[in-house]
Protein backbone atom coordinates (compact mmCIF):
# COMPACT_ATOMS: atom_id res chain seq x y z
CA MET A 1 -40.49 -49.73 43.38
CA THR A 2 -38.11 -52.79 43.63
CA SER A 3 -35.85 -53.06 40.32
CA SER A 4 -34.34 -55.98 38.43
CA SER A 5 -31.47 -56.38 37.43
CA GLU A 6 -29.00 -59.37 35.52
CA ALA A 7 -25.36 -60.17 36.35
CA LYS A 8 -22.66 -62.85 34.73
CA ALA A 9 -20.89 -64.50 37.88
CA PRO A 10 -17.52 -64.93 36.37
CA ALA A 11 -16.42 -67.65 38.19
CA ASP A 12 -18.62 -70.29 36.49
CA GLY A 13 -20.64 -68.59 33.63
CA SER A 14 -24.10 -68.73 35.26
CA VAL A 15 -26.29 -65.69 34.40
CA TRP A 16 -27.97 -64.45 37.49
CA VAL A 17 -31.51 -62.15 37.73
CA ARG A 18 -32.79 -60.34 40.03
CA VAL A 19 -36.64 -59.87 40.09
CA GLY A 20 -37.66 -58.04 42.62
CA ALA A 21 -36.58 -60.20 46.08
CA ALA A 22 -35.79 -63.14 43.88
CA ILE A 23 -32.63 -63.71 42.86
CA ILE A 24 -33.11 -66.41 39.67
CA ASP A 25 -29.67 -68.19 38.27
CA LEU A 26 -30.96 -68.56 33.96
CA SER A 27 -28.45 -71.20 33.86
CA ASN A 28 -30.55 -74.04 35.76
CA GLY A 29 -34.07 -72.21 37.28
CA ASP A 30 -32.71 -72.05 40.63
CA VAL A 31 -34.24 -69.31 42.80
CA GLN A 32 -33.65 -68.21 46.01
CA ARG A 33 -36.23 -65.79 47.19
CA SER A 34 -36.71 -64.18 51.06
CA GLY A 35 -34.26 -67.55 52.29
CA ALA A 36 -36.34 -69.65 50.34
CA ARG A 37 -34.99 -72.00 47.44
CA LEU A 38 -37.00 -72.68 44.62
CA ARG A 39 -36.48 -74.02 41.67
CA LEU A 40 -38.42 -73.08 38.52
CA THR A 41 -39.77 -75.48 36.01
CA ARG A 42 -38.24 -75.54 32.56
CA THR A 43 -41.24 -74.42 30.60
CA GLU A 44 -41.22 -70.67 33.30
CA LEU A 45 -37.35 -70.64 33.06
CA ARG A 46 -37.81 -69.91 29.40
CA LEU A 47 -40.64 -67.89 29.82
CA LEU A 48 -38.65 -65.40 32.02
CA GLN A 49 -35.56 -65.49 29.73
CA ALA A 50 -37.14 -64.57 26.72
CA LEU A 51 -39.36 -61.47 28.90
CA VAL A 52 -35.57 -60.41 30.38
CA ASP A 53 -34.37 -60.62 27.00
CA GLN A 54 -37.41 -57.50 25.98
CA ARG A 55 -37.20 -55.88 29.78
CA GLY A 56 -39.51 -53.26 29.53
CA SER A 57 -40.95 -53.70 26.50
CA PRO A 58 -44.54 -55.42 25.67
CA VAL A 59 -43.67 -59.30 24.75
CA ALA A 60 -46.67 -60.75 22.25
CA ARG A 61 -48.45 -63.71 23.59
CA GLN A 62 -47.80 -65.24 20.15
CA GLU A 63 -44.20 -64.28 20.16
CA LEU A 64 -43.90 -66.48 23.81
CA LEU A 65 -46.04 -69.27 22.35
CA PHE A 66 -43.38 -69.47 19.41
CA THR A 67 -40.54 -68.76 21.83
CA ILE A 68 -41.49 -71.46 23.88
CA TRP A 69 -43.00 -74.68 22.37
CA GLY A 70 -41.62 -73.60 18.98
CA ILE A 71 -43.25 -73.91 15.66
CA GLY A 72 -44.35 -77.04 17.09
CA ALA A 73 -46.64 -75.57 18.98
CA THR A 74 -49.86 -75.65 16.97
CA GLY A 75 -52.12 -77.28 19.76
CA LEU A 76 -51.21 -74.64 21.35
CA ASN A 77 -52.95 -71.40 22.87
CA SER A 78 -52.17 -67.87 24.39
CA ARG A 79 -53.89 -69.43 27.78
CA ALA A 80 -50.67 -72.12 27.79
CA VAL A 81 -49.23 -68.56 28.07
CA ASP A 82 -51.48 -66.91 30.87
CA VAL A 83 -51.16 -69.97 32.78
CA ASN A 84 -47.25 -70.42 32.89
CA VAL A 85 -47.19 -66.91 33.73
CA GLY A 86 -49.57 -66.96 36.76
CA ARG A 87 -47.00 -69.76 37.98
CA LEU A 88 -44.38 -67.73 37.54
CA ARG A 89 -45.73 -64.71 39.26
CA ARG A 90 -46.39 -66.81 42.51
CA LYS A 91 -42.88 -67.88 42.55
CA LEU A 92 -41.26 -64.67 41.82
CA GLU A 93 -44.04 -61.22 42.97
CA VAL A 94 -44.56 -60.42 46.46
CA GLN A 95 -48.55 -60.77 45.47
CA PRO A 96 -49.07 -62.67 43.03
CA SER A 97 -52.70 -61.42 42.82
CA ARG A 98 -51.58 -57.86 42.42
CA PRO A 99 -48.13 -58.20 40.16
CA ARG A 100 -45.60 -55.61 39.85
CA LEU A 101 -42.68 -57.17 38.27
CA ILE A 102 -44.69 -59.49 35.25
CA LEU A 103 -47.25 -56.88 34.36
CA THR A 104 -50.41 -57.78 31.83
CA VAL A 105 -50.73 -55.79 28.71
CA ALA A 106 -54.04 -56.30 28.02
CA GLY A 107 -54.73 -57.58 24.56
CA TYR A 108 -51.03 -58.05 23.63
CA GLY A 109 -49.01 -59.83 25.95
CA TYR A 110 -46.65 -59.15 28.80
CA LEU A 111 -44.10 -57.04 30.33
CA LEU A 112 -41.56 -57.66 32.60
CA GLN A 113 -40.95 -54.60 34.42
CA ASP A 114 -37.73 -52.35 35.89
CA GLU A 115 -34.86 -55.35 34.33
CA ARG A 116 -31.38 -53.63 34.05
CA ARG A 117 -28.03 -54.96 33.38
CA LEU A 118 -25.14 -54.89 35.63
CA SER A 119 -21.36 -54.84 34.10
């Protein structure tokens, strides 16, 4: 299984995270995956950051709703989280329909697999 890691680049203060084959700059949402450059939307970036912050632990959909959209998210439901997780998977997973990195925790939320900080 592919491991993930996060490291702070000392030169410019950027925070990079490796999720599977993708390397993401958490400061601006730039993604490099298999030689291709992609960009995460602001929402995808906030979702990924929330999962990175609790790597290896399940995060409830309601917590993700609050973290990403804040207290004013009253008109949203957990489907908004599911849709954005799907978009994030399409950008980060090798096989988005068979995720190995961003896992669904049935009836609860999501979990980012194998995340480790580098020193």
